[in-house]
């Protein structure tokens, strides 16, 4: 069963409210800009601003994909890395949440 938009919005707000150092917001922004991303490519951009390991980035992507439901994961072959694609139906919600519009509503 697919979660409704209000449910996604509520989960995303809770996720971003727990953001202590801006890492979560930065990760969501990078996903919004790229549209589709791998753990390795996201880690390269994140490590320029934050001192985090690849495991931390992988954990965040996994949480965003499974618990928040913003991403869809696919792999073209068993040897290729998992590519995470932003679900278009939730892109606007993510943009508003990152800009801070939802947390004030």
Protein backbone atom coordinates (compact mmCIF):
# COMPACT_ATOMS: atom_id res chain seq x y z
CA UNK A 1 0.00 0.00 0.00
CA UNK A 2 1.35 3.38 -1.01
CA UNK A 3 1.45 6.05 1.74
CA UNK A 4 -0.62 9.18 1.24
CA UNK A 5 0.89 12.62 0.72
CA UNK A 6 -0.03 13.86 4.22
CA UNK A 7 1.71 10.81 5.70
CA UNK A 8 4.85 11.42 3.62
CA UNK A 9 4.78 15.10 4.59
CA UNK A 10 4.50 14.23 8.30
CA UNK A 11 7.39 11.73 8.10
CA UNK A 12 9.58 14.18 6.20
CA UNK A 13 8.96 16.97 8.70
CA UNK A 14 9.85 14.66 11.61
CA UNK A 15 12.98 13.54 9.74
CA UNK A 16 14.13 17.13 9.11
CA UNK A 17 13.23 18.32 12.63
CA UNK A 18 15.81 15.89 14.02
CA UNK A 19 18.52 17.39 11.81
CA UNK A 20 21.22 18.67 14.18
CA UNK A 21 23.99 19.70 11.77
CA UNK A 22 22.22 20.17 8.44
CA UNK A 23 23.31 16.83 6.99
CA UNK A 24 19.79 15.51 6.41
CA UNK A 25 18.66 18.69 4.70
CA UNK A 26 21.80 18.70 2.55
CA UNK A 27 21.23 15.07 1.50
CA UNK A 28 17.60 15.80 0.51
CA UNK A 29 18.77 18.86 -1.45
CA UNK A 30 21.38 16.81 -3.31
CA UNK A 31 18.78 14.18 -4.17
CA UNK A 32 16.41 16.88 -5.43
CA UNK A 33 19.13 18.40 -7.62
CA UNK A 34 20.34 15.09 -9.05
CA UNK A 35 17.05 13.25 -9.42
CA UNK A 36 18.85 9.91 -9.44
CA UNK A 37 21.85 9.11 -7.30
CA UNK A 38 24.07 6.33 -5.97
CA UNK A 39 25.62 6.05 -2.52
CA UNK A 40 29.09 6.70 -3.97
CA UNK A 41 28.08 9.85 -5.86
CA UNK A 42 26.18 11.24 -2.89
CA UNK A 43 29.07 10.50 -0.54
CA UNK A 44 31.44 12.45 -2.81
CA UNK A 45 29.30 15.58 -2.53
CA UNK A 46 28.52 15.15 1.18
CA UNK A 47 32.13 14.63 2.28
CA UNK A 48 33.05 18.08 0.94
CA UNK A 49 30.87 19.71 3.62
CA UNK A 50 30.57 17.10 6.36
CA UNK A 51 32.99 14.65 7.93
CA UNK A 52 30.89 11.52 7.54
CA UNK A 53 31.64 7.99 6.40
CA UNK A 54 30.14 6.22 3.41
CA UNK A 55 28.13 4.08 5.83
CA UNK A 56 26.40 7.14 7.28
CA UNK A 57 25.41 8.27 3.79
CA UNK A 58 24.22 4.77 2.87
CA UNK A 59 22.19 4.61 6.06
CA UNK A 60 20.53 7.96 5.34
CA UNK A 61 19.66 6.94 1.77
CA UNK A 62 18.25 3.66 3.04
CA UNK A 63 16.10 5.45 5.58
CA UNK A 64 14.88 7.99 3.02
CA UNK A 65 14.04 5.16 0.62
CA UNK A 66 12.39 2.72 3.00
CA UNK A 67 10.87 4.75 5.83
CA UNK A 68 10.13 8.04 4.11
CA UNK A 69 9.30 6.50 0.76
CA UNK A 70 10.76 9.37 -1.29
CA UNK A 71 13.06 7.19 -3.38
CA UNK A 72 12.75 4.18 -5.61
CA UNK A 73 15.75 1.82 -5.77
CA UNK A 74 16.77 -0.21 -8.79
CA UNK A 75 19.79 -2.05 -10.10
CA UNK A 76 20.37 -2.83 -13.77
CA UNK A 77 22.52 -5.89 -13.07
CA UNK A 78 23.83 -7.70 -10.05
CA UNK A 79 27.27 -6.07 -10.47
CA UNK A 80 26.10 -2.48 -10.81
CA UNK A 81 25.45 -0.20 -7.84
CA UNK A 82 21.93 0.51 -6.67
CA UNK A 83 20.55 3.67 -8.24
CA UNK A 84 18.07 5.65 -6.15
CA UNK A 85 15.53 7.70 -8.10
CA UNK A 86 13.39 10.44 -6.61
CA UNK A 87 9.69 9.64 -6.89
CA UNK A 88 8.14 12.46 -8.91
CA UNK A 89 4.90 12.43 -6.95
CA UNK A 90 6.80 13.45 -3.79
CA UNK A 91 9.34 15.85 -5.32
CA UNK A 92 7.28 18.98 -4.59
CA UNK A 93 6.71 17.93 -0.98
CA UNK A 94 10.46 17.46 -0.54
CA UNK A 95 11.20 20.87 -2.11
CA UNK A 96 8.77 22.60 0.24
CA UNK A 97 10.08 20.73 3.27
CA UNK A 98 13.70 21.62 2.50
CA UNK A 99 12.81 25.26 1.96
CA UNK A 100 11.19 25.29 5.41
CA UNK A 101 7.65 26.00 4.22
CA UNK A 102 6.18 22.77 5.64
CA UNK A 103 7.76 22.99 9.07
CA UNK A 104 6.00 26.29 9.71
CA UNK A 105 2.60 25.02 8.48
